[in-house]
C-alpha atoms as a PDB file:
ATOM      1  CA  MET A   1     147.643  86.437 121.394  1.00  0.00           C
ATOM      2  CA  THR A   2     150.538  88.872 121.580  1.00  0.00           C
ATOM      3  CA  THR A   3     149.993  92.430 122.801  1.00  0.00           C
ATOM      4  CA  GLN A   4     152.348  95.356 122.375  1.00  0.00           C
ATOM      5  CA  LEU A   5     152.125  98.581 124.378  1.00  0.00           C
ATOM      6  CA  ARG A   6     153.363 101.703 122.596  1.00  0.00           C
ATOM      7  CA  ARG A   7     153.881 105.075 124.257  1.00  0.00           C
ATOM      8  CA  TYR A   8     154.921 108.073 122.182  1.00  0.00           C
ATOM      9  CA  GLU A   9     156.154 111.326 123.638  1.00  0.00           C
ATOM     10  CA  ILE A  10     154.997 113.973 121.167  1.00  0.00           C
ATOM     11  CA  GLU A  11     156.378 117.462 120.577  1.00  0.00           C
ATOM     12  CA  PRO A  12     154.377 119.995 122.607  1.00  0.00           C
ATOM     13  CA  GLY A  13     151.463 121.407 120.638  1.00  0.00           C
ATOM     14  CA  LYS A  14     151.501 118.596 118.044  1.00  0.00           C
ATOM     15  CA  LEU A  15     149.388 115.908 119.761  1.00  0.00           C
ATOM     16  CA  ASP A  16     146.077 116.683 118.023  1.00  0.00           C
ATOM     17  CA  GLU A  17     147.819 116.760 114.634  1.00  0.00           C
ATOM     18  CA  PHE A  18     149.463 113.425 115.400  1.00  0.00           C
ATOM     19  CA  VAL A  19     146.166 111.799 116.459  1.00  0.00           C
ATOM     20  CA  GLU A  20     144.470 112.897 113.224  1.00  0.00           C
ATOM     21  CA  TRP A  21     147.327 111.461 111.171  1.00  0.00           C
ATOM     22  CA  PHE A  22     147.419 108.234 113.232  1.00  0.00           C
ATOM     23  CA  LYS A  23     143.813 107.455 112.318  1.00  0.00           C
ATOM     24  CA  GLY A  24     145.051 106.676 108.798  1.00  0.00           C
ATOM     25  CA  LEU A  25     147.381 103.956 110.095  1.00  0.00           C
ATOM     26  CA  VAL A  26     144.630 101.927 111.734  1.00  0.00           C
ATOM     27  CA  PRO A  27     143.178 100.414 108.528  1.00  0.00           C
ATOM     28  CA  ALA A  28     146.652  99.806 107.106  1.00  0.00           C
ATOM     29  CA  ARG A  29     147.677  97.873 110.228  1.00  0.00           C
ATOM     30  CA  ALA A  30     144.359  95.994 110.372  1.00  0.00           C
ATOM     31  CA  GLY A  31     145.002  94.657 106.884  1.00  0.00           C
ATOM     32  CA  TYR A  32     147.919  92.728 108.389  1.00  0.00           C
ATOM     33  CA  GLY A  33     145.975  91.450 111.394  1.00  0.00           C
ATOM     34  CA  LEU A  34     147.367  94.049 113.800  1.00  0.00           C
ATOM     35  CA  THR A  35     144.452  95.293 115.886  1.00  0.00           C
ATOM     36  CA  LEU A  36     144.115  98.619 117.649  1.00  0.00           C
ATOM     37  CA  ASP A  37     142.967  97.598 121.137  1.00  0.00           C
ATOM     38  CA  TRP A  38     142.685 101.136 122.525  1.00  0.00           C
ATOM     39  CA  ALA A  39     144.401 104.517 122.351  1.00  0.00           C
ATOM     40  CA  TYR A  40     144.731 107.478 124.705  1.00  0.00           C
ATOM     41  CA  ALA A  41     145.809 111.053 124.071  1.00  0.00           C
ATOM     42  CA  ASP A  42     147.290 112.546 127.246  1.00  0.00           C
ATOM     43  CA  HIS A  43     147.325 116.280 126.598  1.00  0.00           C
ATOM     44  CA  GLU A  44     148.810 117.075 130.002  1.00  0.00           C
ATOM     45  CA  THR A  45     152.038 115.204 129.189  1.00  0.00           C
ATOM     46  CA  SER A  46     151.783 115.329 125.360  1.00  0.00           C
ATOM     47  CA  GLN A  47     151.784 111.542 125.088  1.00  0.00           C
ATOM     48  CA  PHE A  48     149.954 109.159 122.792  1.00  0.00           C
ATOM     49  CA  VAL A  49     149.584 105.682 124.309  1.00  0.00           C
ATOM     50  CA  TRP A  50     148.084 102.713 122.527  1.00  0.00           C
ATOM     51  CA  SER A  51     147.902  98.952 122.466  1.00  0.00           C
ATOM     52  CA  THR A  52     148.038  96.643 119.469  1.00  0.00           C
ATOM     53  CA  SER A  53     147.541  92.885 119.342  1.00  0.00           C
ATOM     54  CA  PHE A  54     148.044  90.015 116.931  1.00  0.00           C
ATOM     55  CA  ASP A  55     146.432  86.602 117.105  1.00  0.00           C
ATOM     56  CA  GLY A  56     149.677  84.634 117.288  1.00  0.00           C
ATOM     57  CA  ASP A  57     152.796  84.116 119.353  1.00  0.00           C
ATOM     58  CA  LEU A  58     155.635  86.621 119.708  1.00  0.00           C
ATOM     59  CA  ASP A  59     157.567  85.272 116.709  1.00  0.00           C
ATOM     60  CA  ALA A  60     154.469  85.556 114.508  1.00  0.00           C
ATOM     61  CA  PHE A  61     153.829  89.079 115.813  1.00  0.00           C
ATOM     62  CA  LYS A  62     157.384  90.138 114.972  1.00  0.00           C
ATOM     63  CA  GLU A  63     157.106  88.614 111.502  1.00  0.00           C
ATOM     64  CA  VAL A  64     153.818  90.313 110.634  1.00  0.00           C
ATOM     65  CA  GLU A  65     155.004  93.607 112.121  1.00  0.00           C
ATOM     66  CA  ALA A  66     158.132  93.497 109.942  1.00  0.00           C
ATOM     67  CA  THR A  67     155.991  92.729 106.889  1.00  0.00           C
ATOM     68  CA  TYR A  68     153.664  95.633 107.735  1.00  0.00           C
ATOM     69  CA  ASN A  69     156.604  98.002 108.353  1.00  0.00           C
ATOM     70  CA  ALA A  70     157.904  97.267 104.833  1.00  0.00           C
ATOM     71  CA  SER A  71     154.451  97.435 103.214  1.00  0.00           C
ATOM     72  CA  PRO A  72     153.219  99.863 100.581  1.00  0.00           C
ATOM     73  CA  GLU A  73     150.139 100.472 102.749  1.00  0.00           C
ATOM     74  CA  ARG A  74     152.295 101.789 105.578  1.00  0.00           C
ATOM     75  CA  ALA A  75     154.362 103.888 103.172  1.00  0.00           C
ATOM     76  CA  ALA A  76     151.157 105.380 101.735  1.00  0.00           C
ATOM     77  CA  ALA A  77     149.793 106.138 105.219  1.00  0.00           C
ATOM     78  CA  TYR A  78     153.015 107.931 106.141  1.00  0.00           C
ATOM     79  CA  GLY A  79     153.329 109.794 102.857  1.00  0.00           C
ATOM     80  CA  ASP A  80     155.475 112.873 103.473  1.00  0.00           C
ATOM     81  CA  TYR A  81     154.414 113.142 107.126  1.00  0.00           C
ATOM     82  CA  LYS A  82     157.205 113.081 109.689  1.00  0.00           C
ATOM     83  CA  PRO A  83     155.622 112.182 113.037  1.00  0.00           C
ATOM     84  CA  PRO A  84     156.568 114.686 115.761  1.00  0.00           C
ATOM     85  CA  THR A  85     157.707 111.909 118.079  1.00  0.00           C
ATOM     86  CA  VAL A  86     160.274 112.945 120.683  1.00  0.00           C
ATOM     87  CA  LYS A  87     160.660 109.492 122.247  1.00  0.00           C
ATOM     88  CA  LEU A  88     159.112 106.078 121.703  1.00  0.00           C
ATOM     89  CA  HIS A  89     158.607 103.349 124.317  1.00  0.00           C
ATOM     90  CA  VAL A  90     157.575  99.903 123.029  1.00  0.00           C
ATOM     91  CA  SER A  91     157.142  96.670 124.972  1.00  0.00           C
ATOM     92  CA  ILE A  92     155.355  93.342 124.814  1.00  0.00           C
ATOM     93  CA  VAL A  93     152.915  93.136 127.715  1.00  0.00           C
ATOM     94  CA  ASP A  94     150.665  90.613 129.448  1.00  0.00           C
ATOM     95  CA  VAL A  95     146.994  91.487 129.419  1.00  0.00           C
ATOM     96  CA  LEU A  96     145.534  90.885 132.883  1.00  0.00           C
ATOM     97  CA  ASP A  97     141.911  90.251 133.803  1.00  0.00           C
ATOM     98  CA  LEU A  98     141.669  91.655 137.305  1.00  0.00           C
ATOM     99  CA  ASN A  99     137.878  91.467 137.641  1.00  0.00           C
END
């Protein structure tokens, strides 16, 4: 299992709009095996933070992500929308069970 953490800094005042639009990406990503593990909207800092996983190693994750990024499903989900992202932070992370 490979897990990616994604943190988006969103233009002030645009977070709710972004979250509504993002909901349309979830099924498109799921069609490629990319799960939405969880998502948070931090209104205080205007950040959207989420985790996505794929049941495979890092190379397989990168391959399926590239396929999804070039897909007609992703293009349809984006449509004419230009996400109000100021900055994007993306990293592969280890999921820890601390219980």
